[in-house]
N, C-alpha and C. Protein backbone atom coordinates (compact mmCIF):
# COMPACT_ATOMS: atom_id res chain seq x y z
N MET A 1 0.90 -1.28 0.14
CA MET A 1 0.00 0.07 0.16
C MET A 1 0.78 1.22 0.02
N ILE A 2 2.12 1.24 0.89
CA ILE A 2 2.74 2.57 0.79
C ILE A 2 3.52 2.80 -0.57
N LYS A 3 3.88 1.57 -1.13
CA LYS A 3 4.70 1.68 -2.48
C LYS A 3 3.57 2.16 -3.32
N LYS A 4 2.28 2.03 -3.58
CA LYS A 4 1.15 2.60 -4.28
C LYS A 4 1.12 4.03 -3.95
N ARG A 5 1.30 4.55 -2.88
CA ARG A 5 1.18 5.69 -2.55
C ARG A 5 2.40 6.67 -2.87
N TYR A 6 3.37 6.11 -2.88
CA TYR A 6 4.64 6.52 -3.42
C TYR A 6 4.73 6.85 -4.59
N ILE A 7 4.12 5.66 -5.42
CA ILE A 7 4.27 5.89 -6.95
C ILE A 7 3.07 6.93 -7.47
N TYR A 8 2.22 6.74 -6.90
CA TYR A 8 1.17 8.05 -7.31
C TYR A 8 1.50 9.23 -6.75
N SER A 9 2.54 9.52 -5.94
CA SER A 9 3.06 10.90 -5.42
C SER A 9 4.00 11.13 -6.41
N ILE A 10 4.71 10.33 -6.66
CA ILE A 10 5.79 10.65 -7.87
C ILE A 10 4.99 11.34 -9.22
N ILE A 11 3.92 10.35 -9.55
CA ILE A 11 3.25 10.59 -10.64
C ILE A 11 2.67 11.96 -10.89
N SER A 12 1.85 12.31 -9.49
CA SER A 12 1.28 13.66 -9.19
C SER A 12 2.27 14.68 -9.59
N ILE A 13 3.47 14.40 -8.67
CA ILE A 13 4.32 15.60 -8.78
C ILE A 13 4.85 15.89 -10.29
N GLY A 14 5.08 14.50 -11.04
CA GLY A 14 5.54 14.69 -12.57
C GLY A 14 4.48 15.71 -13.21
N LEU A 15 3.37 15.23 -13.06
CA LEU A 15 2.25 15.84 -13.95
C LEU A 15 2.22 17.50 -13.38
N CYS A 16 2.32 17.52 -12.34
CA CYS A 16 2.25 19.04 -11.71
C CYS A 16 3.47 19.89 -12.44
N LEU A 17 4.40 19.08 -12.30
CA LEU A 17 5.83 19.90 -12.95
C LEU A 17 5.30 19.86 -14.26
N SER A 18 4.97 19.16 -14.98
CA SER A 18 4.72 19.08 -16.76
C SER A 18 3.93 20.55 -16.77
N LEU A 19 2.68 20.21 -16.30
CA LEU A 19 1.70 21.44 -16.42
C LEU A 19 2.21 22.96 -16.01
N ILE A 20 3.30 22.95 -15.28
CA ILE A 20 4.04 24.18 -14.75
C ILE A 20 4.72 24.58 -16.08
N GLY A 21 5.45 23.62 -16.58
CA GLY A 21 6.39 23.79 -17.64
C GLY A 21 5.43 24.36 -18.77
N CYS A 22 4.50 23.82 -19.13
CA CYS A 22 3.44 24.14 -20.13
C CYS A 22 2.98 25.30 -20.16
N TYR A 23 2.51 25.67 -18.79
CA TYR A 23 2.09 27.16 -18.45
C TYR A 23 3.11 28.31 -18.71
N SER A 24 4.22 27.89 -18.16
CA SER A 24 5.34 28.99 -18.47
C SER A 24 5.80 29.15 -19.70
N SER A 25 5.70 28.21 -20.41
CA SER A 25 6.21 27.96 -21.94
C SER A 25 5.27 28.79 -22.65
N GLU A 26 3.78 28.69 -22.42
CA GLU A 26 2.98 29.50 -23.09
C GLU A 26 2.94 31.11 -22.78
N GLN A 27 3.40 31.26 -21.37
CA GLN A 27 3.43 32.80 -20.97
C GLN A 27 4.65 33.43 -21.42
N SER A 28 5.69 32.73 -21.94
CA SER A 28 7.00 33.43 -22.44
C SER A 28 6.52 33.61 -23.84
N LYS A 29 5.95 32.87 -24.60
CA LYS A 29 5.35 32.70 -26.07
C LYS A 29 4.56 34.02 -26.20
N SER A 30 3.51 34.08 -25.16
CA SER A 30 2.61 35.29 -25.20
C SER A 30 3.27 36.44 -25.14
N SER A 31 4.18 36.83 -23.96
CA SER A 31 4.70 37.78 -23.74
C SER A 31 5.80 38.20 -24.89
N SER A 32 6.34 37.14 -25.72
CA SER A 32 7.24 37.57 -26.74
C SER A 32 6.50 37.88 -28.03
N SER A 33 5.33 37.58 -27.97
CA SER A 33 4.65 37.67 -29.43
C SER A 33 4.90 39.16 -30.04
N SER A 34 4.57 40.13 -29.17
CA SER A 34 4.52 41.67 -29.63
C SER A 34 5.87 41.99 -30.09
N VAL A 35 7.08 41.33 -29.37
CA VAL A 35 8.28 41.56 -30.05
C VAL A 35 8.36 40.69 -31.41
N VAL A 36 8.00 39.81 -31.44
CA VAL A 36 8.19 38.88 -32.90
C VAL A 36 7.29 39.72 -33.98
N ALA A 37 6.20 40.58 -33.63
CA ALA A 37 5.29 40.99 -34.73
C ALA A 37 6.08 42.45 -34.89
N ASN A 38 6.63 42.95 -34.23
CA ASN A 38 7.68 44.12 -34.42
C ASN A 38 8.73 43.90 -35.15
N SER A 39 9.55 42.68 -35.00
CA SER A 39 10.29 42.47 -36.07
C SER A 39 9.90 41.89 -37.21
N GLN A 40 8.91 41.32 -37.35
CA GLN A 40 8.37 41.03 -38.72
C GLN A 40 7.99 42.46 -39.41
N ASN A 41 7.41 43.26 -38.91
CA ASN A 41 7.08 44.58 -39.41
C ASN A 41 8.51 45.12 -40.01
N ASN A 42 9.48 45.24 -39.13
CA ASN A 42 10.85 45.65 -39.50
C ASN A 42 11.25 44.74 -40.77
N ASN A 43 11.17 43.40 -40.82
CA ASN A 43 11.66 42.51 -41.88
C ASN A 43 10.95 43.01 -43.11
N GLN A 44 9.55 43.27 -43.10
CA GLN A 44 8.65 43.59 -44.02
C GLN A 44 9.22 44.71 -44.68
N ARG A 45 9.60 45.93 -44.02
CA ARG A 45 10.07 46.91 -44.67
C ARG A 45 11.29 46.94 -45.13
N LEU A 46 12.27 46.04 -44.52
CA LEU A 46 13.57 45.62 -44.79
C LEU A 46 13.43 45.23 -46.36
N HIS A 47 12.75 43.94 -46.36
CA HIS A 47 12.47 43.17 -47.55
C HIS A 47 12.04 44.05 -48.87
N LEU A 48 11.12 45.07 -48.33
CA LEU A 48 10.71 45.71 -49.57
C LEU A 48 11.58 46.63 -50.23
N ASN A 49 12.61 47.06 -49.58
CA ASN A 49 13.62 47.64 -50.13
C ASN A 49 14.79 47.23 -50.84
N THR A 50 14.79 45.93 -50.55
CA THR A 50 15.94 44.99 -50.92
C THR A 50 15.63 43.80 -51.43
N VAL A 51 16.51 42.92 -52.53
CA VAL A 51 16.05 41.85 -53.13
C VAL A 51 17.35 41.16 -52.91
N ILE A 52 17.34 39.73 -53.22
CA ILE A 52 18.26 38.83 -53.09
C ILE A 52 18.53 38.40 -54.43
N LEU A 53 19.70 38.55 -55.02
CA LEU A 53 20.25 38.07 -56.19
C LEU A 53 21.28 37.21 -56.14
N PRO A 54 21.95 36.69 -57.50
CA PRO A 54 23.01 35.94 -57.26
C PRO A 54 24.17 37.02 -57.08
N ALA A 55 25.29 36.29 -56.65
CA ALA A 55 26.43 37.28 -56.21
C ALA A 55 27.06 37.52 -57.81
N ASN A 56 27.10 36.45 -58.80
CA ASN A 56 27.23 36.51 -60.11
C ASN A 56 26.33 35.90 -60.91
N ILE A 57 25.88 36.87 -61.76
CA ILE A 57 24.53 36.46 -62.27
C ILE A 57 24.75 35.33 -63.40
N GLN A 58 26.09 36.06 -64.13
CA GLN A 58 26.45 35.19 -65.50
C GLN A 58 26.44 33.50 -64.86
N THR A 59 27.35 33.62 -63.74
CA THR A 59 27.60 32.19 -63.41
C THR A 59 26.53 31.38 -62.81
N TYR A 60 25.59 32.02 -62.23
CA TYR A 60 24.41 31.53 -61.80
C TYR A 60 23.55 31.06 -62.89
N ARG A 61 23.12 32.03 -64.01
CA ARG A 61 22.34 31.56 -64.99
C ARG A 61 22.97 30.42 -65.79
N GLN A 62 24.23 30.46 -66.05
CA GLN A 62 24.87 29.55 -66.84
C GLN A 62 24.80 27.76 -65.92
N ALA A 63 25.10 27.96 -64.53
CA ALA A 63 24.74 26.75 -63.70
C ALA A 63 23.31 26.10 -63.82
N MET A 64 22.39 27.10 -63.48
CA MET A 64 21.06 26.80 -63.69
C MET A 64 20.76 26.24 -64.91
N ILE A 65 21.01 26.65 -66.05
CA ILE A 65 20.76 26.25 -67.52
C ILE A 65 21.31 24.85 -67.55
N ASN A 66 22.69 24.61 -67.26
CA ASN A 66 22.95 23.39 -67.27
C ASN A 66 22.62 22.32 -66.45
N TYR A 67 22.13 22.45 -65.35
CA TYR A 67 21.40 21.76 -64.58
C TYR A 67 19.87 21.49 -64.99
N SER A 68 19.48 22.57 -65.87
CA SER A 68 17.85 21.99 -66.48
C SER A 68 18.12 21.29 -67.57
N GLN A 69 19.39 21.16 -68.20
CA GLN A 69 19.63 20.33 -69.48
C GLN A 69 20.34 18.85 -69.14
N VAL A 70 20.88 19.13 -68.19
CA VAL A 70 21.77 17.97 -68.01
C VAL A 70 21.26 17.06 -66.82
N GLY A 71 20.88 17.85 -65.90
CA GLY A 71 20.85 17.26 -64.66
C GLY A 71 21.81 17.33 -63.49
N GLY A 72 21.58 16.65 -62.60
CA GLY A 72 22.85 16.44 -61.39
C GLY A 72 22.34 17.00 -60.28
N VAL A 73 23.31 17.66 -59.51
CA VAL A 73 23.07 18.01 -58.51
C VAL A 73 22.74 19.64 -58.42
N ASN A 74 21.39 19.84 -57.92
CA ASN A 74 20.72 21.26 -58.27
C ASN A 74 21.90 22.35 -57.71
N PRO A 75 22.39 23.24 -58.32
CA PRO A 75 23.26 24.28 -58.05
C PRO A 75 22.84 25.47 -57.19
N PHE A 76 21.67 25.43 -57.13
CA PHE A 76 20.81 26.65 -56.27
C PHE A 76 21.11 26.85 -55.09
N ASN A 77 21.22 25.71 -54.17
CA ASN A 77 21.44 25.89 -52.70
C ASN A 77 23.20 26.15 -52.44
N ASN A 78 23.73 25.88 -53.44
CA ASN A 78 25.11 26.25 -53.28
C ASN A 78 25.63 27.37 -53.96
N SER A 79 24.78 28.08 -54.61
CA SER A 79 24.98 29.58 -54.94
C SER A 79 25.28 30.59 -54.02
N PRO A 80 26.21 31.48 -54.27
CA PRO A 80 26.38 32.71 -53.41
C PRO A 80 25.28 33.71 -54.00
N PHE A 81 24.63 34.09 -52.87
CA PHE A 81 23.81 35.46 -52.92
C PHE A 81 23.93 36.49 -52.19
N VAL A 82 23.45 37.66 -52.81
CA VAL A 82 23.71 39.12 -52.17
C VAL A 82 22.33 39.59 -51.92
N VAL A 83 22.35 40.45 -51.11
CA VAL A 83 21.17 41.22 -50.72
C VAL A 83 21.47 42.77 -51.45
N LYS A 84 20.69 43.13 -52.36
CA LYS A 84 20.79 44.40 -53.03
C LYS A 84 19.75 45.22 -52.81
N LYS A 85 19.84 46.57 -52.59
CA LYS A 85 19.18 47.54 -52.58
C LYS A 85 18.48 47.73 -53.79
N LEU A 86 16.99 48.11 -53.70
CA LEU A 86 16.40 48.49 -54.89
C LEU A 86 16.77 49.87 -55.51
N PRO A 87 17.09 50.11 -56.87
CA PRO A 87 17.31 51.61 -57.29
C PRO A 87 16.15 52.48 -56.71
N LYS A 88 16.46 53.79 -56.47
CA LYS A 88 15.64 54.59 -56.08
C LYS A 88 14.21 54.79 -57.28
N THR A 89 14.72 54.27 -58.27
CA THR A 89 13.86 54.85 -59.58
C THR A 89 12.51 53.57 -59.24
N ILE A 90 12.69 52.78 -58.44
CA ILE A 90 11.60 51.67 -58.24
C ILE A 90 11.05 51.84 -57.05
N LYS A 91 9.67 51.98 -57.22
CA LYS A 91 8.90 52.02 -55.84
C LYS A 91 8.88 50.66 -55.28
N PRO A 92 9.21 50.61 -53.85
CA PRO A 92 8.93 49.22 -53.50
C PRO A 92 7.81 48.57 -53.28
N SER A 93 7.54 47.41 -53.85
CA SER A 93 6.12 46.72 -53.65
C SER A 93 6.47 45.42 -54.18
N LEU A 94 5.75 44.47 -53.62
CA LEU A 94 6.02 43.08 -53.87
C LEU A 94 6.24 42.75 -55.48
N GLN A 95 5.36 43.37 -56.13
CA GLN A 95 5.50 43.15 -57.48
C GLN A 95 6.78 43.69 -58.18
N ASN A 96 6.59 44.77 -57.68
CA ASN A 96 7.92 45.63 -58.39
C ASN A 96 9.35 44.88 -57.91
N ASN A 97 9.31 44.39 -56.79
CA ASN A 97 10.87 43.92 -56.26
C ASN A 97 10.83 42.38 -57.22
N ILE A 98 9.61 41.61 -57.41
CA ILE A 98 10.05 40.41 -58.06
C ILE A 98 10.09 40.76 -59.51
N GLN A 99 9.54 41.69 -60.06
CA GLN A 99 9.77 42.02 -61.52
C GLN A 99 11.36 42.43 -61.59
N PHE A 100 11.79 43.16 -60.43
CA PHE A 100 13.08 43.68 -60.74
C PHE A 100 14.11 42.43 -60.48
N VAL A 101 13.80 41.50 -59.68
CA VAL A 101 14.75 40.14 -59.84
C VAL A 101 14.82 39.46 -60.97
N ILE A 102 13.62 39.55 -61.57
CA ILE A 102 13.18 38.63 -62.82
C ILE A 102 14.35 39.32 -64.21
N ASP A 103 14.11 40.82 -63.86
CA ASP A 103 14.83 41.67 -64.97
C ASP A 103 16.00 41.76 -65.00
N SER A 104 16.77 41.17 -63.59
CA SER A 104 18.09 41.41 -63.36
C SER A 104 18.78 40.00 -63.99
N VAL A 105 17.86 38.76 -63.72
CA VAL A 105 18.86 37.62 -64.29
C VAL A 105 18.09 37.12 -65.51
N ILE A 106 16.92 37.47 -66.17
CA ILE A 106 16.77 36.81 -67.52
C ILE A 106 17.49 37.36 -68.64
N SER A 107 17.45 36.59 -69.64
CA SER A 107 18.40 36.79 -70.98
C SER A 107 17.62 38.14 -71.66
N PRO A 108 18.22 39.11 -71.91
CA PRO A 108 17.76 40.22 -72.55
C PRO A 108 16.99 40.14 -73.70
N THR A 109 17.41 38.77 -74.48
CA THR A 109 16.45 38.32 -75.56
C THR A 109 15.18 37.98 -75.16
N TYR A 110 15.24 37.64 -73.80
CA TYR A 110 13.61 37.24 -73.48
C TYR A 110 12.87 38.01 -72.29
N LEU A 111 13.42 39.23 -72.21
CA LEU A 111 12.98 40.22 -71.29
C LEU A 111 11.31 40.01 -71.28
N SER A 112 10.71 40.42 -72.30
CA SER A 112 9.32 40.39 -71.97
C SER A 112 8.79 39.03 -71.58
N ALA A 113 9.34 38.08 -71.82
CA ALA A 113 8.74 36.66 -71.34
C ALA A 113 8.60 36.52 -69.80
N GLY A 114 9.63 37.74 -69.21
CA GLY A 114 9.85 37.64 -67.79
C GLY A 114 8.62 38.43 -67.07
N LYS A 115 7.72 39.25 -67.88
CA LYS A 115 6.84 40.21 -67.34
C LYS A 115 5.88 39.29 -66.41
N ILE A 116 5.38 39.93 -65.11
CA ILE A 116 4.66 39.26 -64.41
C ILE A 116 3.25 39.62 -64.65
N THR A 117 2.46 38.73 -65.18
CA THR A 117 0.93 38.78 -65.59
C THR A 117 0.05 38.82 -64.40
N TYR A 118 0.50 38.17 -63.40
CA TYR A 118 -0.27 38.00 -62.18
C TYR A 118 0.41 37.74 -60.84
N LEU A 119 -0.09 38.17 -60.00
CA LEU A 119 0.72 38.08 -58.61
C LEU A 119 -0.42 38.34 -57.58
N SER A 120 -0.81 37.49 -56.77
CA SER A 120 -1.49 37.46 -55.68
C SER A 120 -1.49 36.77 -54.34
N VAL A 121 -1.76 37.22 -53.38
CA VAL A 121 -1.42 36.50 -52.06
C VAL A 121 -2.67 36.25 -51.31
N LYS A 122 -2.86 35.15 -51.18
CA LYS A 122 -4.42 34.45 -50.47
C LYS A 122 -3.95 33.49 -49.63
N ASN A 123 -4.26 33.59 -48.46
CA ASN A 123 -4.17 32.49 -47.23
C ASN A 123 -2.47 32.01 -47.34
N HIS A 124 -1.62 32.94 -47.28
CA HIS A 124 -0.33 32.80 -47.26
C HIS A 124 0.52 32.12 -48.29
N ILE A 125 -0.33 32.16 -49.61
CA ILE A 125 0.32 31.33 -50.56
C ILE A 125 0.19 32.45 -51.65
N ALA A 126 1.50 32.56 -52.25
CA ALA A 126 1.74 33.70 -53.38
C ALA A 126 1.39 32.69 -54.47
N TYR A 127 0.57 33.33 -55.59
CA TYR A 127 0.27 32.58 -57.04
C TYR A 127 0.84 33.69 -57.80
N ILE A 128 1.68 33.26 -58.66
CA ILE A 128 2.22 34.17 -59.57
C ILE A 128 2.20 33.38 -61.07
N GLU A 129 2.25 34.40 -61.91
CA GLU A 129 2.23 34.07 -63.32
C GLU A 129 3.09 34.77 -64.09
N LEU A 130 3.69 34.36 -64.92
CA LEU A 130 4.70 35.13 -65.76
C LEU A 130 4.24 34.83 -67.55
N GLU A 131 4.86 35.95 -68.15
CA GLU A 131 4.23 35.72 -69.45
C GLU A 131 4.79 34.54 -70.36
N MET A 132 5.80 33.75 -69.69
CA MET A 132 6.33 32.80 -70.20
C MET A 132 5.66 31.51 -69.97
N ASN A 133 4.75 31.87 -68.97
CA ASN A 133 3.84 30.39 -68.51
C ASN A 133 2.81 30.31 -69.56
N ASN A 134 2.31 31.54 -70.18
CA ASN A 134 1.26 31.47 -70.97
C ASN A 134 1.98 31.30 -72.75
N ASP A 135 2.94 31.96 -72.85
CA ASP A 135 3.53 32.01 -74.34
C ASP A 135 5.10 31.28 -74.38
N GLY A 136 5.26 30.57 -74.18
CA GLY A 136 6.71 29.58 -74.03
C GLY A 136 7.29 29.38 -75.44
N TRP A 137 8.28 28.94 -75.47
CA TRP A 137 9.19 28.80 -76.56
C TRP A 137 9.95 27.38 -76.35
N ALA A 138 10.82 27.05 -77.52
CA ALA A 138 11.74 26.04 -77.32
C ALA A 138 12.78 26.49 -76.45
N GLY A 139 13.09 25.75 -75.44
CA GLY A 139 13.99 26.06 -74.50
C GLY A 139 13.31 26.83 -73.45
N VAL A 140 12.22 26.96 -73.21
CA VAL A 140 11.56 28.02 -72.14
C VAL A 140 11.99 27.23 -70.47
N SER A 141 12.30 25.96 -70.72
CA SER A 141 12.71 25.27 -69.32
C SER A 141 13.77 25.60 -68.66
N SER A 142 14.94 26.29 -69.72
CA SER A 142 16.22 27.01 -69.15
C SER A 142 15.86 28.05 -68.58
N THR A 143 14.91 29.03 -69.21
CA THR A 143 14.93 30.27 -68.57
C THR A 143 13.83 30.08 -66.98
N VAL A 144 13.08 29.07 -67.17
CA VAL A 144 12.18 28.90 -66.02
C VAL A 144 13.22 28.56 -64.55
N ALA A 145 14.13 27.50 -64.97
CA ALA A 145 15.02 27.09 -64.41
C ALA A 145 15.88 28.30 -63.60
N VAL A 146 16.13 29.35 -64.39
CA VAL A 146 17.02 30.40 -63.83
C VAL A 146 16.07 31.34 -63.14
N ILE A 147 14.73 31.61 -63.59
CA ILE A 147 14.09 32.42 -62.77
C ILE A 147 13.21 31.99 -61.52
N ASN A 148 12.57 30.76 -61.80
CA ASN A 148 11.24 30.36 -60.63
C ASN A 148 12.20 30.27 -59.31
N PRO A 149 13.21 29.93 -59.22
CA PRO A 149 13.93 29.67 -57.87
C PRO A 149 14.35 30.70 -57.17
N LEU A 150 14.64 31.83 -57.60
CA LEU A 150 14.98 33.31 -57.22
C LEU A 150 13.53 34.09 -56.86
N VAL A 151 12.56 33.70 -57.66
CA VAL A 151 11.37 34.40 -57.37
C VAL A 151 10.78 33.72 -56.14
N VAL A 152 10.85 32.40 -55.93
CA VAL A 152 10.48 31.73 -54.67
C VAL A 152 11.26 32.26 -53.40
N LYS A 153 12.52 32.52 -53.52
CA LYS A 153 13.52 32.80 -52.50
C LYS A 153 12.81 34.20 -52.16
N ASN A 154 12.79 35.29 -53.29
CA ASN A 154 12.57 36.38 -52.87
C ASN A 154 11.14 36.82 -52.10
N LEU A 155 9.96 35.89 -52.75
CA LEU A 155 8.74 35.98 -52.07
C LEU A 155 8.62 35.14 -50.55
N LEU A 156 9.70 34.35 -50.49
CA LEU A 156 9.48 33.76 -49.18
C LEU A 156 9.93 34.63 -48.03
N ARG A 157 10.53 35.81 -48.76
CA ARG A 157 11.03 36.49 -47.31
C ARG A 157 9.95 37.49 -46.68
N ASP A 158 8.84 37.45 -47.64
CA ASP A 158 7.62 38.24 -47.00
C ASP A 158 7.09 37.20 -45.81
N PRO A 159 6.75 37.74 -44.56
CA PRO A 159 6.43 36.76 -43.63
C PRO A 159 5.01 36.51 -43.75
N ASN A 160 4.16 37.29 -44.62
CA ASN A 160 2.78 36.70 -45.05
C ASN A 160 2.80 35.48 -46.31
N ILE A 161 3.73 35.23 -46.39
CA ILE A 161 3.89 34.15 -47.51
C ILE A 161 4.67 32.85 -47.22
N HIS A 162 4.04 31.98 -47.06
CA HIS A 162 4.59 30.61 -46.81
C HIS A 162 4.75 29.72 -48.03
N GLN A 163 4.16 29.93 -48.95
CA GLN A 163 4.13 29.10 -50.11
C GLN A 163 4.04 29.67 -51.45
N VAL A 164 4.81 29.33 -52.61
CA VAL A 164 4.52 29.89 -54.00
C VAL A 164 4.10 28.95 -54.91
N ILE A 165 3.07 29.51 -55.75
CA ILE A 165 2.55 28.42 -56.81
C ILE A 165 2.54 29.40 -58.01
N PHE A 166 3.26 28.61 -58.98
CA PHE A 166 3.30 29.33 -60.62
C PHE A 166 2.30 29.14 -61.20
N HIS A 167 1.44 29.80 -61.82
CA HIS A 167 0.15 29.85 -62.57
C HIS A 167 -0.94 30.39 -61.65
N LYS A 168 -1.77 30.73 -62.19
CA LYS A 168 -3.15 31.20 -61.46
C LYS A 168 -4.19 29.97 -60.69
């Protein structure tokens, strides 16, 4: 009988400690939520004035084209990137930022194919469509391989976007 009480006491103490731990964890989460919200607002402002681009666009473009045509290991994750400020001539907005990224890396021959024809954010999902999605050409997959990962990388900087889907 004493052993059972002893075991029940240990179980009760364990449950109490775990409940206290959960409560204090929730308290710390709620007290830090305003700090997180403020830092997200600052990140939002920061990301609207900047974009992420490959450190060497020519090298990046060639590596992604080779990958799309030959296969192998995706070079995107190992590519060096830099954060660049938008030129003062461009008004910061989600669409303008993404258009700047596309215009910076797309081959000048296909500049019009990189035009954003649709961009919308609903339920933390960004839906984007480019002219090349509607009017492709032989070899469009190489251009898609160069552009799409950069579009995704830049869109996901927005704390309100958790996923990116190409096409409407």
